[in-house]
Amino acid sequence: MYNELLTEVDYRFSRSSGPGGQSVNKVSTQVELLFNVLESDILTEDQKSIIITRLSNRITVLGVLILRSDETRSQLKNREVVNTRFLQLISDALVPVKKRRPTKPTKSSVKRRLSDKKKLSDKKKNRKVDEE
């Protein structure tokens, strides 16, 4: 299902910063992936709302998710990097969150806590006796 999302993705290419020799000013190796979450036909409305809330810091006001990569000097490799990052981000966002069930402390942990408190209390009482 996630690989189908790549059909709804747009790419922008620009010149990458950093080292690269003579070709750095000629070749557009930086890849920018643009995915409009709101206009996706593959995602359901629930999935869209989940993605928008969980990835709100990465999504623009218009509902566009933007990822960029300029890790390598190759446009093709940067495109692969940004695609895998995009698919991982979407799949992680759609994993349901487990609800936390509160647990009771065990009898032994309660007993240990109370005995430690008692020892500390006795230690402080002994200090007062020594001061007088």
N, C-alpha and C. Protein backbone atom coordinates (compact mmCIF):
# COMPACT_ATOMS: atom_id res chain seq x y z
N MET A 1 0.81 -1.18 0.00
CA MET A 1 0.00 0.00 0.00
C MET A 1 0.87 1.26 0.00
N TYR A 2 1.95 1.23 0.79
CA TYR A 2 2.79 2.42 0.92
C TYR A 2 3.52 2.76 -0.38
N ASN A 3 3.92 1.72 -1.14
CA ASN A 3 4.62 1.98 -2.41
C ASN A 3 3.72 2.71 -3.40
N GLU A 4 2.40 2.52 -3.28
CA GLU A 4 1.47 3.22 -4.16
C GLU A 4 1.50 4.72 -3.90
N LEU A 5 1.88 5.12 -2.70
CA LEU A 5 1.94 6.55 -2.38
C LEU A 5 2.97 7.28 -3.23
N LEU A 6 3.99 6.56 -3.72
CA LEU A 6 5.02 7.20 -4.53
C LEU A 6 4.48 7.71 -5.86
N THR A 7 3.30 7.20 -6.29
CA THR A 7 2.70 7.70 -7.52
C THR A 7 2.11 9.10 -7.32
N GLU A 8 1.82 9.46 -6.08
CA GLU A 8 1.22 10.77 -5.78
C GLU A 8 2.26 11.80 -5.33
N VAL A 9 3.52 11.47 -5.48
CA VAL A 9 4.61 12.32 -5.01
C VAL A 9 5.14 13.17 -6.17
N ASP A 10 5.47 14.43 -5.87
CA ASP A 10 6.15 15.30 -6.84
C ASP A 10 7.57 15.53 -6.36
N TYR A 11 8.47 15.76 -7.31
CA TYR A 11 9.87 16.01 -6.98
C TYR A 11 10.29 17.36 -7.53
N ARG A 12 11.18 18.03 -6.79
CA ARG A 12 11.85 19.23 -7.26
C ARG A 12 13.34 18.99 -7.10
N PHE A 13 14.08 19.45 -8.06
CA PHE A 13 15.53 19.26 -8.03
C PHE A 13 16.21 20.62 -8.03
N SER A 14 17.28 20.72 -7.23
CA SER A 14 18.03 21.97 -7.18
C SER A 14 19.49 21.65 -6.94
N ARG A 15 20.31 22.69 -7.06
CA ARG A 15 21.75 22.49 -6.84
C ARG A 15 22.02 22.29 -5.36
N SER A 16 22.83 21.32 -5.10
CA SER A 16 23.15 20.98 -3.72
C SER A 16 24.32 21.80 -3.24
N SER A 17 24.35 22.08 -1.95
CA SER A 17 25.50 22.80 -1.38
C SER A 17 26.57 21.80 -0.99
N GLY A 18 27.72 22.29 -0.64
CA GLY A 18 28.79 21.42 -0.18
C GLY A 18 29.78 21.08 -1.26
N PRO A 19 30.70 20.14 -0.98
CA PRO A 19 31.76 19.82 -1.92
C PRO A 19 31.23 19.11 -3.16
N GLY A 20 31.93 19.26 -4.25
CA GLY A 20 31.51 18.57 -5.47
C GLY A 20 32.38 18.89 -6.65
N GLY A 21 33.33 19.78 -6.48
CA GLY A 21 34.24 20.09 -7.58
C GLY A 21 33.60 20.98 -8.62
N GLN A 22 34.00 20.79 -9.86
CA GLN A 22 33.54 21.66 -10.94
C GLN A 22 32.07 21.48 -11.25
N SER A 23 31.55 20.27 -11.05
CA SER A 23 30.17 20.00 -11.46
C SER A 23 29.13 20.48 -10.45
N VAL A 24 29.57 20.96 -9.28
CA VAL A 24 28.62 21.32 -8.22
C VAL A 24 27.70 22.46 -8.65
N ASN A 25 28.19 23.35 -9.51
CA ASN A 25 27.37 24.47 -9.94
C ASN A 25 26.58 24.17 -11.21
N LYS A 26 26.69 22.97 -11.73
CA LYS A 26 26.02 22.62 -12.99
C LYS A 26 24.90 21.61 -12.79
N VAL A 27 25.10 20.67 -11.85
CA VAL A 27 24.19 19.53 -11.71
C VAL A 27 23.25 19.74 -10.53
N SER A 28 21.96 19.50 -10.75
CA SER A 28 20.97 19.62 -9.68
C SER A 28 20.82 18.26 -9.00
N THR A 29 21.55 18.08 -7.90
CA THR A 29 21.53 16.78 -7.24
C THR A 29 20.64 16.75 -6.01
N GLN A 30 20.31 17.90 -5.46
CA GLN A 30 19.43 17.92 -4.28
C GLN A 30 18.01 17.57 -4.72
N VAL A 31 17.37 16.66 -3.97
CA VAL A 31 16.02 16.22 -4.29
C VAL A 31 15.08 16.66 -3.18
N GLU A 32 13.96 17.24 -3.59
CA GLU A 32 12.93 17.67 -2.65
C GLU A 32 11.66 16.90 -2.99
N LEU A 33 11.14 16.15 -2.03
CA LEU A 33 9.92 15.36 -2.23
C LEU A 33 8.74 16.15 -1.69
N LEU A 34 7.69 16.28 -2.49
CA LEU A 34 6.49 17.00 -2.08
C LEU A 34 5.31 16.04 -2.15
N PHE A 35 4.59 15.90 -1.04
CA PHE A 35 3.42 15.01 -0.98
C PHE A 35 2.27 15.77 -0.36
N ASN A 36 1.21 15.96 -1.13
CA ASN A 36 0.03 16.67 -0.63
C ASN A 36 -0.86 15.66 0.09
N VAL A 37 -0.85 15.73 1.40
CA VAL A 37 -1.59 14.78 2.22
C VAL A 37 -3.10 14.94 2.02
N LEU A 38 -3.55 16.18 1.94
CA LEU A 38 -4.99 16.45 1.84
C LEU A 38 -5.60 15.95 0.53
N GLU A 39 -4.83 15.96 -0.56
CA GLU A 39 -5.36 15.57 -1.87
C GLU A 39 -5.04 14.14 -2.25
N SER A 40 -4.54 13.34 -1.32
CA SER A 40 -4.19 11.95 -1.61
C SER A 40 -5.45 11.12 -1.82
N ASP A 41 -5.45 10.32 -2.89
CA ASP A 41 -6.58 9.42 -3.18
C ASP A 41 -6.40 8.06 -2.51
N ILE A 42 -5.19 7.73 -2.18
CA ILE A 42 -4.90 6.41 -1.60
C ILE A 42 -5.22 6.35 -0.11
N LEU A 43 -4.94 7.43 0.60
CA LEU A 43 -5.17 7.46 2.05
C LEU A 43 -6.63 7.73 2.37
N THR A 44 -7.11 7.10 3.44
CA THR A 44 -8.47 7.38 3.91
C THR A 44 -8.47 8.68 4.70
N GLU A 45 -9.64 9.19 5.00
CA GLU A 45 -9.74 10.45 5.75
C GLU A 45 -9.13 10.30 7.15
N ASP A 46 -9.34 9.13 7.77
CA ASP A 46 -8.77 8.89 9.10
C ASP A 46 -7.24 8.91 9.04
N GLN A 47 -6.69 8.23 8.03
CA GLN A 47 -5.24 8.18 7.88
C GLN A 47 -4.68 9.58 7.63
N LYS A 48 -5.38 10.37 6.82
CA LYS A 48 -4.92 11.74 6.55
C LYS A 48 -4.87 12.55 7.84
N SER A 49 -5.92 12.45 8.66
CA SER A 49 -5.95 13.23 9.90
C SER A 49 -4.86 12.76 10.87
N ILE A 50 -4.61 11.46 10.92
CA ILE A 50 -3.54 10.93 11.79
C ILE A 50 -2.19 11.47 11.34
N ILE A 51 -1.93 11.41 10.02
CA ILE A 51 -0.65 11.88 9.49
C ILE A 51 -0.49 13.37 9.75
N ILE A 52 -1.55 14.14 9.55
CA ILE A 52 -1.45 15.59 9.74
C ILE A 52 -1.17 15.92 11.21
N THR A 53 -1.78 15.20 12.14
CA THR A 53 -1.53 15.50 13.56
C THR A 53 -0.15 15.04 14.00
N ARG A 54 0.26 13.84 13.58
CA ARG A 54 1.55 13.31 14.04
C ARG A 54 2.75 13.95 13.35
N LEU A 55 2.58 14.40 12.12
CA LEU A 55 3.69 15.01 11.39
C LEU A 55 3.45 16.50 11.18
N SER A 56 2.75 17.14 12.11
CA SER A 56 2.37 18.54 11.96
C SER A 56 3.59 19.46 11.81
N ASN A 57 4.71 19.10 12.44
CA ASN A 57 5.89 19.96 12.35
C ASN A 57 6.58 19.86 10.99
N ARG A 58 6.22 18.87 10.16
CA ARG A 58 6.83 18.70 8.85
C ARG A 58 5.90 19.07 7.71
N ILE A 59 4.64 19.38 8.02
CA ILE A 59 3.63 19.64 7.00
C ILE A 59 3.34 21.13 6.95
N THR A 60 3.23 21.68 5.72
CA THR A 60 2.95 23.10 5.56
C THR A 60 1.48 23.38 5.84
N VAL A 61 1.12 24.66 5.82
CA VAL A 61 -0.26 25.09 6.07
C VAL A 61 -1.20 24.53 4.99
N LEU A 62 -0.67 24.35 3.78
CA LEU A 62 -1.47 23.83 2.67
C LEU A 62 -1.60 22.31 2.70
N GLY A 63 -0.99 21.65 3.67
CA GLY A 63 -1.09 20.20 3.80
C GLY A 63 -0.07 19.44 2.98
N VAL A 64 1.06 20.07 2.68
CA VAL A 64 2.09 19.43 1.85
C VAL A 64 3.25 19.00 2.74
N LEU A 65 3.59 17.72 2.65
CA LEU A 65 4.75 17.17 3.37
C LEU A 65 5.97 17.35 2.49
N ILE A 66 7.01 17.98 3.04
CA ILE A 66 8.22 18.25 2.27
C ILE A 66 9.41 17.57 2.93
N LEU A 67 10.13 16.75 2.14
CA LEU A 67 11.36 16.12 2.59
C LEU A 67 12.44 16.44 1.57
N ARG A 68 13.67 16.65 2.04
CA ARG A 68 14.74 16.92 1.08
C ARG A 68 15.98 16.12 1.44
N SER A 69 16.76 15.82 0.40
CA SER A 69 17.99 15.06 0.60
C SER A 69 19.07 15.58 -0.34
N ASP A 70 20.25 15.82 0.21
CA ASP A 70 21.41 16.15 -0.61
C ASP A 70 22.65 15.45 -0.05
N GLU A 71 22.41 14.22 0.44
CA GLU A 71 23.47 13.46 1.10
C GLU A 71 24.56 13.02 0.13
N THR A 72 24.18 12.66 -1.08
CA THR A 72 25.17 12.17 -2.04
C THR A 72 25.26 13.12 -3.23
N ARG A 73 26.23 12.87 -4.12
CA ARG A 73 26.38 13.69 -5.31
C ARG A 73 25.51 13.21 -6.45
N SER A 74 24.84 12.10 -6.24
CA SER A 74 24.01 11.51 -7.29
C SER A 74 22.54 11.85 -7.04
N GLN A 75 21.89 12.39 -8.07
CA GLN A 75 20.47 12.71 -7.96
C GLN A 75 19.64 11.45 -7.75
N LEU A 76 20.01 10.38 -8.43
CA LEU A 76 19.28 9.11 -8.32
C LEU A 76 19.35 8.55 -6.90
N LYS A 77 20.55 8.57 -6.30
CA LYS A 77 20.69 8.07 -4.93
C LYS A 77 19.94 8.94 -3.94
N ASN A 78 19.99 10.25 -4.14
CA ASN A 78 19.25 11.16 -3.26
C ASN A 78 17.75 10.92 -3.38
N ARG A 79 17.30 10.59 -4.57
CA ARG A 79 15.89 10.30 -4.78
C ARG A 79 15.49 9.02 -4.04
N GLU A 80 16.36 8.00 -4.09
CA GLU A 80 16.10 6.75 -3.37
C GLU A 80 16.08 6.99 -1.86
N VAL A 81 17.01 7.82 -1.38
CA VAL A 81 17.09 8.12 0.06
C VAL A 81 15.82 8.81 0.52
N VAL A 82 15.37 9.80 -0.24
CA VAL A 82 14.19 10.56 0.16
C VAL A 82 12.93 9.70 0.05
N ASN A 83 12.89 8.78 -0.92
CA ASN A 83 11.74 7.86 -1.03
C ASN A 83 11.65 6.93 0.16
N THR A 84 12.77 6.33 0.55
CA THR A 84 12.74 5.40 1.70
C THR A 84 12.40 6.15 2.99
N ARG A 85 12.94 7.37 3.13
CA ARG A 85 12.63 8.16 4.32
C ARG A 85 11.14 8.52 4.37
N PHE A 86 10.58 8.84 3.21
CA PHE A 86 9.16 9.19 3.12
C PHE A 86 8.29 7.99 3.50
N LEU A 87 8.58 6.82 2.91
CA LEU A 87 7.77 5.63 3.21
C LEU A 87 7.89 5.23 4.67
N GLN A 88 9.08 5.36 5.24
CA GLN A 88 9.28 5.03 6.66
C GLN A 88 8.51 5.99 7.55
N LEU A 89 8.53 7.27 7.19
CA LEU A 89 7.84 8.30 7.96
C LEU A 89 6.33 8.06 7.97
N ILE A 90 5.77 7.75 6.81
CA ILE A 90 4.34 7.51 6.70
C ILE A 90 3.95 6.24 7.46
N SER A 91 4.73 5.17 7.29
CA SER A 91 4.38 3.91 7.97
C SER A 91 4.50 4.06 9.49
N ASP A 92 5.50 4.80 9.97
CA ASP A 92 5.64 5.03 11.41
C ASP A 92 4.48 5.87 11.96
N ALA A 93 4.04 6.83 11.16
CA ALA A 93 2.95 7.70 11.62
C ALA A 93 1.63 6.95 11.72
N LEU A 94 1.46 5.93 10.89
CA LEU A 94 0.19 5.21 10.87
C LEU A 94 0.13 4.01 11.81
N VAL A 95 1.22 3.76 12.56
CA VAL A 95 1.21 2.67 13.54
C VAL A 95 0.34 3.11 14.71
N PRO A 96 -0.65 2.29 15.09
CA PRO A 96 -1.52 2.68 16.20
C PRO A 96 -0.76 2.72 17.52
N VAL A 97 -1.10 3.71 18.33
CA VAL A 97 -0.44 3.87 19.63
C VAL A 97 -1.12 2.96 20.63
N LYS A 98 -0.30 2.19 21.36
CA LYS A 98 -0.86 1.32 22.38
C LYS A 98 -1.30 2.17 23.57
N LYS A 99 -2.49 1.87 24.09
CA LYS A 99 -2.96 2.59 25.26
C LYS A 99 -2.27 2.02 26.49
N ARG A 100 -1.80 2.90 27.34
CA ARG A 100 -1.09 2.47 28.54
C ARG A 100 -2.09 2.02 29.59
N ARG A 101 -1.86 0.81 30.09
CA ARG A 101 -2.69 0.30 31.18
C ARG A 101 -1.90 0.44 32.47
N PRO A 102 -2.41 1.22 33.43
CA PRO A 102 -1.67 1.38 34.68
C PRO A 102 -1.60 0.07 35.45
N THR A 103 -0.46 -0.19 36.06
CA THR A 103 -0.29 -1.43 36.81
C THR A 103 -0.15 -1.11 38.30
N LYS A 104 -0.49 -2.10 39.12
CA LYS A 104 -0.33 -1.94 40.55
C LYS A 104 1.08 -2.35 40.94
N PRO A 105 1.66 -1.69 41.94
CA PRO A 105 2.98 -2.12 42.40
C PRO A 105 2.89 -3.50 43.07
N THR A 106 3.93 -4.28 42.93
CA THR A 106 3.92 -5.61 43.52
C THR A 106 4.05 -5.51 45.04
N LYS A 107 3.66 -6.57 45.72
CA LYS A 107 3.72 -6.58 47.18
C LYS A 107 5.16 -6.40 47.66
N SER A 108 6.08 -7.07 46.98
CA SER A 108 7.48 -6.99 47.41
C SER A 108 8.04 -5.57 47.22
N SER A 109 7.63 -4.88 46.12
CA SER A 109 8.14 -3.52 45.92
C SER A 109 7.58 -2.56 46.97
N VAL A 110 6.32 -2.75 47.35
CA VAL A 110 5.73 -1.91 48.40
C VAL A 110 6.45 -2.16 49.72
N LYS A 111 6.69 -3.45 50.03
CA LYS A 111 7.38 -3.82 51.28
C LYS A 111 8.80 -3.23 51.30
N ARG A 112 9.51 -3.30 50.15
CA ARG A 112 10.86 -2.77 50.05
C ARG A 112 10.86 -1.25 50.25
N ARG A 113 9.91 -0.57 49.64
CA ARG A 113 9.83 0.89 49.76
C ARG A 113 9.58 1.29 51.22
N LEU A 114 8.66 0.59 51.88
CA LEU A 114 8.35 0.93 53.27
C LEU A 114 9.52 0.63 54.20
N SER A 115 10.23 -0.46 53.95
CA SER A 115 11.38 -0.79 54.80
C SER A 115 12.50 0.24 54.59
N ASP A 116 12.70 0.71 53.35
CA ASP A 116 13.71 1.74 53.09
C ASP A 116 13.34 3.04 53.79
N LYS A 117 12.04 3.37 53.76
CA LYS A 117 11.60 4.58 54.46
C LYS A 117 11.86 4.46 55.96
N LYS A 118 11.59 3.28 56.50
CA LYS A 118 11.79 3.04 57.93
C LYS A 118 13.26 3.18 58.31
N LYS A 119 14.15 2.63 57.46
CA LYS A 119 15.59 2.72 57.73
C LYS A 119 16.05 4.17 57.71
N LEU A 120 15.57 4.93 56.74
CA LEU A 120 15.94 6.34 56.65
C LEU A 120 15.43 7.13 57.85
N SER A 121 14.21 6.80 58.27
CA SER A 121 13.61 7.45 59.43
C SER A 121 14.44 7.16 60.69
N ASP A 122 14.81 5.90 60.86
CA ASP A 122 15.62 5.52 62.03
C ASP A 122 16.97 6.23 62.02
N LYS A 123 17.58 6.34 60.83
CA LYS A 123 18.88 7.00 60.72
C LYS A 123 18.76 8.46 61.16
N LYS A 124 17.69 9.12 60.75
CA LYS A 124 17.52 10.53 61.11
C LYS A 124 17.21 10.69 62.60
N LYS A 125 16.45 9.72 63.16
CA LYS A 125 16.16 9.76 64.60
C LYS A 125 17.46 9.61 65.39
N ASN A 126 18.33 8.72 64.95
CA ASN A 126 19.60 8.50 65.64
C ASN A 126 20.47 9.75 65.60
N ARG A 127 20.40 10.54 64.55
CA ARG A 127 21.15 11.78 64.47
C ARG A 127 20.70 12.74 65.57
N LYS A 128 19.39 12.83 65.78
CA LYS A 128 18.87 13.76 66.80
C LYS A 128 19.32 13.33 68.19
N VAL A 129 19.34 12.02 68.41
CA VAL A 129 19.76 11.51 69.71
C VAL A 129 21.24 11.86 69.94
N ASP A 130 22.06 11.76 68.89
CA ASP A 130 23.49 12.04 69.01
C ASP A 130 23.74 13.52 69.28
N GLU A 131 22.90 14.41 68.75
CA GLU A 131 23.10 15.85 68.91
C GLU A 131 22.81 16.30 70.34
N GLU A 132 21.92 15.66 71.03
CA GLU A 132 21.51 16.10 72.39
C GLU A 132 22.48 15.74 73.45
